[in-house]
Amino acid sequence: MFEKLRRRRRAVGSTTSPRGIQLYADATEKDFDPLGYLFVNEDVAAAAQTDDRLAFAREHFAVYGQNEGRKQLLTSLLPAVVEARTGKMEALYARSPGSRRGIEPYTAALGDATLTLYKARDEARVPVPFERVSAHDYDEPMQAWFDENPSSLFLDVGAGSRPLYRPNVVYAEIAALPSTDILCFGDKLPFDDDVFDGVVALAVLEHVEDPFEVAAELVRVTRPNGQVVVDWPFLVPVHAYPHHYYNATPQGAQLAFERMPDVSSVRSSVPSFLHPVYTLRWMLDEWIQSLPEEQKADFAELRVADILAEDSEQLEMKAWSRLPTEKKRVICAGTRVVATKRARSALSPNGTGAGD
């Protein structure tokens, strides 16, 4: 059974900080946490369709995990997170009195563990079920911003499951995850105006139905002279959680904030983790993993010059180019949309729908 599992390393942080609780660590024989191991390693959790999932996790770790550098969530630290969260919420309420009315306690199950967090009151859209979990730490400049300003209060919208739980960052998510403080959607943040010293939304706006509405909310809850930091992907494969709608060019990402009257200045850059080489690697990995086993070796031996030398028709004829239809929608160069207008008989005299 284990032979069918493809090893997948998690991009979880290993940096410690005196200003936070480290929720993830290497899985070790001494401190093995079977529930936390299943949470971090989705491939193992998906294969653990047995009566005793925890025993399956222990067996997988003994046979494979300890040699693969697998990570685990430290579920023993969840009570410490709850205690830190209580203090964080009091700091939030002091700045945003209206949040006491707009936020309510919420309890969620994480296997045999319990998550005690909060949610936006009367928000029926949360929590959203999840399968894959983003568990990335921040890049160095972002870490420095948070850690060098311990008395400031920040907001992370669409935070995923952060490996280091910081007491001065409010983690907002649509899914109940170990680091989630408040369950809410970005288009309706349960905070007063001018609350946070800084707000971040990292690789989030491509996943929302109206990124301009969410961008306006990020600015609304930021204090005057505070900063909003957004990472907005452009040339990346489709990666839905729960959906993927709008990528943005650098100019488009800037424009979303430049036209807001409450924004005094906008600047942009391309950090190292958004370098074009990562787009190429991500695209190629999605491509090769979708090919039949007998074609992967030929694909891996291609040079960049081999691809550049072919025209599109020749590329389509190559066996290694014949991707499954569903994968073509993930790494496509573009999408053709054909929209059919409603029949005239179904329209009212003014051109709107008869039922409108």
Protein backbone atom coordinates (compact mmCIF):
# COMPACT_ATOMS: atom_id res chain seq x y z
CA MET A 1 0.00 0.00 0.00
CA PHE A 2 2.78 2.44 0.92
CA GLU A 3 4.48 1.89 -2.44
CA LYS A 4 1.62 3.76 -4.11
CA LEU A 5 2.28 6.93 -2.13
CA ARG A 6 4.31 9.57 -3.95
CA ARG A 7 6.59 11.43 -1.63
CA ARG A 8 5.57 15.06 -1.24
CA ARG A 9 7.61 17.38 0.92
CA ARG A 10 5.64 20.07 2.66
CA ALA A 11 6.79 23.67 2.40
CA VAL A 12 6.58 24.30 6.11
CA GLY A 13 8.80 26.60 8.05
CA SER A 14 11.55 25.51 10.39
CA THR A 15 12.49 29.00 11.70
CA THR A 16 11.79 29.58 15.38
CA SER A 17 10.95 32.92 16.96
CA PRO A 18 10.58 34.04 20.56
CA ARG A 19 7.46 35.91 19.43
CA GLY A 20 5.45 32.88 18.35
CA ILE A 21 4.50 29.24 18.80
CA GLN A 22 6.11 26.83 16.34
CA LEU A 23 3.29 24.55 15.23
CA TYR A 24 5.20 22.34 12.80
CA ALA A 25 8.37 20.32 13.25
CA ASP A 26 10.20 17.33 11.84
CA ALA A 27 8.46 14.08 12.69
CA THR A 28 10.73 12.10 15.03
CA GLU A 29 10.42 8.74 16.72
CA LYS A 30 10.68 10.38 20.14
CA ASP A 31 7.99 13.01 19.59
CA PHE A 32 5.84 11.36 16.92
CA ASP A 33 2.34 12.86 16.68
CA PRO A 34 0.20 10.57 14.47
CA LEU A 35 -2.71 13.01 14.21
CA GLY A 36 -0.37 15.87 13.35
CA TYR A 37 1.46 13.64 10.87
CA LEU A 38 -1.76 12.87 9.00
CA PHE A 39 -2.74 16.55 8.97
CA VAL A 40 0.50 17.71 7.34
CA ASN A 41 0.98 14.78 4.94
CA GLU A 42 -2.15 14.71 2.80
CA ASP A 43 -0.92 11.79 0.70
CA VAL A 44 -0.64 9.61 3.81
CA ALA A 45 -4.02 10.79 5.09
CA ALA A 46 -5.64 9.98 1.74
CA ALA A 47 -4.23 6.45 1.82
CA ALA A 48 -5.14 5.85 5.47
CA GLN A 49 -8.58 4.44 4.70
CA THR A 50 -8.42 1.94 7.54
CA ASP A 51 -10.19 1.50 10.85
CA ASP A 52 -7.12 2.71 12.72
CA ARG A 53 -5.74 5.76 10.86
CA LEU A 54 -3.33 6.59 13.67
CA ALA A 55 -1.75 3.12 13.49
CA PHE A 56 -1.44 3.55 9.72
CA ALA A 57 0.36 6.86 10.31
CA ARG A 58 2.81 5.24 12.74
CA GLU A 59 3.53 2.43 10.29
CA HIS A 60 4.09 4.81 7.39
CA PHE A 61 6.45 6.93 9.47
CA ALA A 62 8.43 3.88 10.60
CA VAL A 63 8.80 2.52 7.06
CA TYR A 64 9.13 5.72 5.02
CA GLY A 65 8.50 8.98 6.82
CA GLN A 66 11.53 9.10 9.07
CA ASN A 67 13.81 8.68 6.04
CA GLU A 68 11.94 11.27 3.97
CA GLY A 69 12.16 14.21 6.36
CA ARG A 70 8.40 14.35 6.86
CA LYS A 71 6.84 17.09 8.99
CA GLN A 72 4.07 16.99 11.55
CA LEU A 73 1.72 19.36 13.31
CA LEU A 74 2.40 19.51 17.05
CA THR A 75 -1.13 19.05 18.33
CA SER A 76 0.14 19.19 21.93
CA LEU A 77 0.69 22.94 21.42
CA LEU A 78 -2.90 23.70 20.42
CA PRO A 79 -3.91 24.62 24.02
CA ALA A 80 -1.07 27.18 24.09
CA VAL A 81 -2.41 28.61 20.82
CA VAL A 82 -5.88 28.96 22.35
CA GLU A 83 -4.41 30.88 25.30
CA ALA A 84 -2.45 33.18 23.00
CA ARG A 85 -5.52 33.64 20.79
CA THR A 86 -7.57 34.84 23.78
CA GLY A 87 -5.06 37.60 24.48
CA LYS A 88 -4.90 38.53 20.81
CA MET A 89 -8.67 38.87 20.58
CA GLU A 90 -8.74 41.21 23.58
CA ALA A 91 -6.17 43.41 21.83
CA LEU A 92 -8.35 43.33 18.71
CA TYR A 93 -11.52 44.27 20.61
CA ALA A 94 -9.73 47.23 22.19
CA ARG A 95 -9.05 48.60 18.70
CA SER A 96 -12.28 47.40 17.10
CA PRO A 97 -15.15 47.50 19.62
CA GLY A 98 -17.66 46.61 16.91
CA SER A 99 -15.92 43.25 16.44
CA ARG A 100 -17.34 42.07 19.77
CA ARG A 101 -20.74 42.12 18.13
CA GLY A 102 -19.56 40.83 14.77
CA ILE A 103 -17.47 37.87 15.97
CA GLU A 104 -18.49 34.81 17.97
CA PRO A 105 -16.63 31.79 19.43
CA TYR A 106 -16.47 28.67 17.27
CA THR A 107 -15.31 25.11 17.91
CA ALA A 108 -14.10 22.77 15.17
CA ALA A 109 -12.79 19.21 15.21
CA LEU A 110 -9.35 18.28 13.97
CA GLY A 111 -9.41 14.49 14.14
CA ASP A 112 -9.32 13.70 17.84
CA ALA A 113 -8.26 17.26 18.69
CA THR A 114 -10.44 20.34 19.09
CA LEU A 115 -9.81 23.77 17.62
CA THR A 116 -11.21 26.70 19.58
CA LEU A 117 -11.37 29.81 17.42
CA TYR A 118 -13.80 32.51 16.27
CA LYS A 119 -15.99 33.23 13.26
CA ALA A 120 -17.83 36.15 11.75
CA ARG A 121 -21.33 36.15 13.20
CA ASP A 122 -24.13 35.21 10.78
CA GLU A 123 -21.57 34.21 8.13
CA ALA A 124 -23.03 31.02 6.67
CA ARG A 125 -20.24 30.57 4.11
CA VAL A 126 -17.66 29.45 6.67
CA PRO A 127 -16.02 27.17 7.44
CA VAL A 128 -15.17 25.88 3.98
CA PRO A 129 -14.11 22.19 3.80
CA PHE A 130 -10.49 21.73 2.77
CA GLU A 131 -8.32 18.93 1.42
CA ARG A 132 -4.95 20.53 0.76
CA VAL A 133 -3.44 22.95 3.27
CA SER A 134 -1.09 25.83 2.57
CA ALA A 135 1.49 25.86 5.39
CA HIS A 136 4.14 28.33 4.24
CA ASP A 137 6.02 30.74 6.44
CA TYR A 138 6.50 34.37 5.42
CA ASP A 139 9.51 35.57 3.46
CA GLU A 140 12.24 37.33 5.45
CA PRO A 141 11.09 40.95 4.94
CA MET A 142 7.57 40.03 6.05
CA GLN A 143 8.88 38.18 9.11
CA ALA A 144 10.99 41.18 10.03
CA TRP A 145 8.00 43.51 9.68
CA PHE A 146 5.98 41.46 12.15
CA ASP A 147 8.74 40.53 14.58
CA GLU A 148 10.31 44.00 14.81
CA ASN A 149 6.94 45.56 15.66
CA PRO A 150 5.62 43.40 18.51
CA SER A 151 3.26 46.11 19.80
CA SER A 152 1.61 46.53 16.39
CA LEU A 153 -1.41 44.50 15.30
CA PHE A 154 -1.45 42.96 11.83
CA LEU A 155 -4.08 41.10 9.81
CA ASP A 156 -3.34 38.19 7.47
CA VAL A 157 -6.30 37.53 5.15
CA GLY A 158 -6.35 34.05 3.62
CA ALA A 159 -3.51 33.03 5.90
CA GLY A 160 -3.60 29.29 5.34
CA SER A 161 -2.05 27.33 8.21
CA ARG A 162 0.95 29.34 9.38
CA PRO A 163 3.73 27.24 10.93
CA LEU A 164 4.65 29.99 13.43
CA TYR A 165 1.69 31.35 15.37
CA ARG A 166 2.45 35.01 16.12
CA PRO A 167 0.54 36.86 18.87
CA ASN A 168 0.51 40.17 16.94
CA VAL A 169 -0.98 38.79 13.70
CA VAL A 170 -4.70 38.07 13.38
CA TYR A 171 -5.06 35.10 11.02
CA ALA A 172 -8.26 35.22 8.97
CA GLU A 173 -9.23 32.20 6.89
CA ILE A 174 -12.28 30.52 5.36
CA ALA A 175 -11.18 27.11 6.71
CA ALA A 176 -10.74 26.00 10.33
CA LEU A 177 -6.97 25.41 10.52
CA PRO A 178 -4.62 25.24 13.53
CA SER A 179 -3.51 28.87 13.20
CA THR A 180 -6.88 30.31 12.14
CA ASP A 181 -8.09 33.00 14.53
CA ILE A 182 -11.21 34.16 12.71
CA LEU A 183 -13.31 32.43 10.07
CA CYS A 184 -14.50 34.99 7.55
CA PHE A 185 -14.44 35.96 3.89
CA GLY A 186 -12.34 38.83 2.63
CA ASP A 187 -15.26 40.62 1.04
CA LYS A 188 -16.87 41.14 4.45
CA LEU A 189 -14.25 41.53 7.16
CA PRO A 190 -15.79 41.71 10.67
CA PHE A 191 -13.71 44.68 11.81
CA ASP A 192 -14.26 48.40 12.27
CA ASP A 193 -12.52 50.90 9.99
CA ASP A 194 -8.87 51.82 10.66
CA VAL A 195 -7.96 48.91 12.96
CA PHE A 196 -4.69 47.27 11.84
CA ASP A 197 -1.20 48.72 11.52
CA GLY A 198 -0.63 46.46 8.53
CA VAL A 199 -2.67 44.04 6.43
CA VAL A 200 -1.42 41.27 4.14
CA ALA A 201 -3.14 39.03 1.57
CA LEU A 202 -0.56 36.73 0.01
CA ALA A 203 -1.63 34.76 -3.08
CA VAL A 204 -5.29 35.29 -2.19
CA LEU A 205 -6.88 37.74 -4.61
CA GLU A 206 -6.72 35.31 -7.53
CA HIS A 207 -9.07 33.05 -5.58
CA VAL A 208 -11.87 35.52 -4.82
CA GLU A 209 -14.89 36.31 -6.98
CA ASP A 210 -14.40 40.07 -6.78
CA PRO A 211 -10.75 40.97 -6.08
CA PHE A 212 -11.49 44.71 -6.24
CA GLU A 213 -14.09 44.41 -3.49
CA VAL A 214 -11.69 42.46 -1.30
CA ALA A 215 -8.86 44.93 -1.99
CA ALA A 216 -11.15 47.75 -0.83
CA GLU A 217 -11.87 45.83 2.39
CA LEU A 218 -8.15 45.38 3.05
CA VAL A 219 -7.66 49.13 2.78
CA ARG A 220 -10.75 49.92 4.88
CA VAL A 221 -9.53 48.04 7.96
CA THR A 222 -5.97 49.45 7.74
CA ARG A 223 -5.06 52.40 9.94
CA PRO A 224 -4.06 55.72 8.33
CA ASN A 225 -0.38 55.53 7.27
CA GLY A 226 -0.56 51.73 7.59
CA GLN A 227 0.38 49.46 4.73
CA VAL A 228 -1.43 46.78 2.74
CA VAL A 229 0.85 44.13 1.21
CA VAL A 230 -0.57 41.91 -1.52
CA ASP A 231 1.12 39.11 -3.49
CA TRP A 232 -0.98 38.64 -6.63
CA PRO A 233 0.16 35.88 -9.05
CA PHE A 234 0.18 36.39 -12.81
CA LEU A 235 1.76 33.54 -14.83
CA VAL A 236 0.97 30.53 -12.65
CA PRO A 237 -0.98 27.32 -13.24
CA VAL A 238 -4.58 27.08 -12.08
CA HIS A 239 -4.51 26.09 -8.42
CA ALA A 240 -8.02 26.20 -7.01
CA TYR A 241 -8.74 26.61 -3.33
CA PRO A 242 -11.62 26.48 -3.39
CA HIS A 243 -11.63 28.24 -6.80
CA HIS A 244 -9.18 30.20 -8.97
CA TYR A 245 -10.56 33.19 -10.88
CA TYR A 246 -8.31 36.17 -11.60
CA ASN A 247 -4.56 36.43 -12.08
CA ALA A 248 -3.20 39.97 -12.50
CA THR A 249 -0.44 41.66 -14.45
CA PRO A 250 1.83 43.97 -12.39
CA GLN A 251 -0.04 46.96 -13.84
CA GLY A 252 -3.41 45.42 -13.02
CA ALA A 253 -2.38 44.66 -9.43
CA GLN A 254 -1.28 48.25 -8.94
CA LEU A 255 -4.42 49.65 -10.56
CA ALA A 256 -6.63 47.81 -8.07
CA PHE A 257 -5.21 50.08 -5.34
CA GLU A 258 -4.26 53.22 -7.28
CA ARG A 259 -7.87 54.09 -7.99
CA MET A 260 -8.89 54.02 -4.32
CA PRO A 261 -9.27 57.52 -2.83
CA ASP A 262 -7.95 56.35 0.57
CA VAL A 263 -4.64 55.13 -0.89
CA SER A 264 -1.87 57.75 -1.04
CA SER A 265 0.80 55.77 -2.89
CA VAL A 266 1.32 52.39 -4.56
CA ARG A 267 4.57 50.67 -5.48
CA SER A 268 5.30 47.18 -6.76
CA SER A 269 8.19 44.76 -7.15
CA VAL A 270 8.90 41.15 -8.03
CA PRO A 271 10.28 39.31 -4.97
CA SER A 272 12.55 36.32 -5.45
CA PHE A 273 9.81 33.77 -4.79
CA LEU A 274 7.79 35.25 -7.67
CA HIS A 275 10.70 35.05 -10.13
CA PRO A 276 9.75 33.73 -13.60
CA VAL A 277 11.89 30.60 -13.05
CA TYR A 278 9.30 29.34 -10.54
CA THR A 279 6.56 29.69 -13.13
CA LEU A 280 8.57 27.58 -15.57
CA ARG A 281 9.36 24.94 -12.96
CA TRP A 282 5.75 24.78 -11.74
CA MET A 283 4.42 24.47 -15.29
CA LEU A 284 6.90 21.75 -16.22
CA ASP A 285 6.22 19.80 -13.03
CA GLU A 286 2.47 19.88 -13.65
CA TRP A 287 3.17 18.77 -17.22
CA ILE A 288 5.51 15.85 -16.54
CA GLN A 289 3.47 14.46 -13.63
CA SER A 290 0.47 14.18 -15.98
CA LEU A 291 2.25 12.10 -18.62
CA PRO A 292 2.24 8.31 -18.80
CA GLU A 293 5.26 6.79 -17.08
CA GLU A 294 6.79 5.63 -20.36
CA GLN A 295 6.80 9.21 -21.71
CA LYS A 296 8.22 11.02 -18.68
CA ALA A 297 11.85 10.13 -19.40
CA ASP A 298 11.74 11.52 -22.95
CA PHE A 299 10.11 14.70 -21.69
CA ALA A 300 12.72 15.16 -18.94
CA GLU A 301 15.55 14.93 -21.48
CA LEU A 302 14.25 17.82 -23.59
CA ARG A 303 16.34 20.97 -23.76
CA VAL A 304 14.86 24.45 -23.85
CA ALA A 305 16.25 24.70 -27.38
CA ASP A 306 14.25 21.61 -28.39
CA ILE A 307 11.00 23.28 -27.37
CA LEU A 308 11.89 26.63 -28.95
CA ALA A 309 12.78 24.90 -32.23
CA GLU A 310 9.33 23.39 -32.66
CA ASP A 311 6.29 25.26 -33.90
CA SER A 312 2.95 24.81 -32.15
CA GLU A 313 1.61 22.25 -34.57
CA GLN A 314 4.70 20.06 -34.21
CA LEU A 315 4.52 20.37 -30.42
CA GLU A 316 0.93 19.17 -30.48
CA MET A 317 1.93 16.15 -32.51
CA LYS A 318 4.57 15.05 -30.01
CA ALA A 319 3.47 12.18 -27.79
CA TRP A 320 4.66 14.02 -24.67
CA SER A 321 2.46 16.98 -25.59
CA ARG A 322 -0.77 15.04 -25.44
CA LEU A 323 -1.90 16.09 -22.00
CA PRO A 324 -5.20 14.98 -20.46
CA THR A 325 -7.97 17.49 -21.06
CA GLU A 326 -8.27 18.39 -17.36
CA LYS A 327 -4.55 19.15 -17.15
CA LYS A 328 -4.72 21.43 -20.19
CA ARG A 329 -7.09 23.59 -18.15
CA VAL A 330 -4.47 23.84 -15.39
CA ILE A 331 -1.44 24.96 -17.43
CA CYS A 332 -3.20 26.50 -20.42
CA ALA A 333 -1.89 29.48 -22.37
CA GLY A 334 -5.43 30.81 -22.52
CA THR A 335 -9.10 29.90 -22.49
CA ARG A 336 -11.73 30.34 -25.17
CA VAL A 337 -15.15 31.22 -23.79
CA VAL A 338 -18.31 31.04 -25.90
CA ALA A 339 -21.31 32.74 -24.28
CA THR A 340 -24.79 32.34 -25.76
CA LYS A 341 -27.27 35.15 -25.35
CA ARG A 342 -30.73 34.31 -24.14
CA ALA A 343 -33.34 33.73 -26.85
CA ARG A 344 -35.36 36.82 -27.83
CA SER A 345 -38.59 35.18 -26.73
CA ALA A 346 -37.17 34.94 -23.22
CA LEU A 347 -36.37 38.65 -23.09
CA SER A 348 -38.69 41.40 -21.93
CA PRO A 349 -39.28 44.43 -24.25
CA ASN A 350 -36.48 46.40 -22.58
CA GLY A 351 -33.96 43.63 -23.30
CA THR A 352 -33.69 42.20 -19.79
CA GLY A 353 -34.69 38.73 -18.75
CA ALA A 354 -38.42 38.17 -18.56
CA GLY A 355 -38.02 37.10 -14.97
CA ASP A 356 -35.73 39.99 -13.98
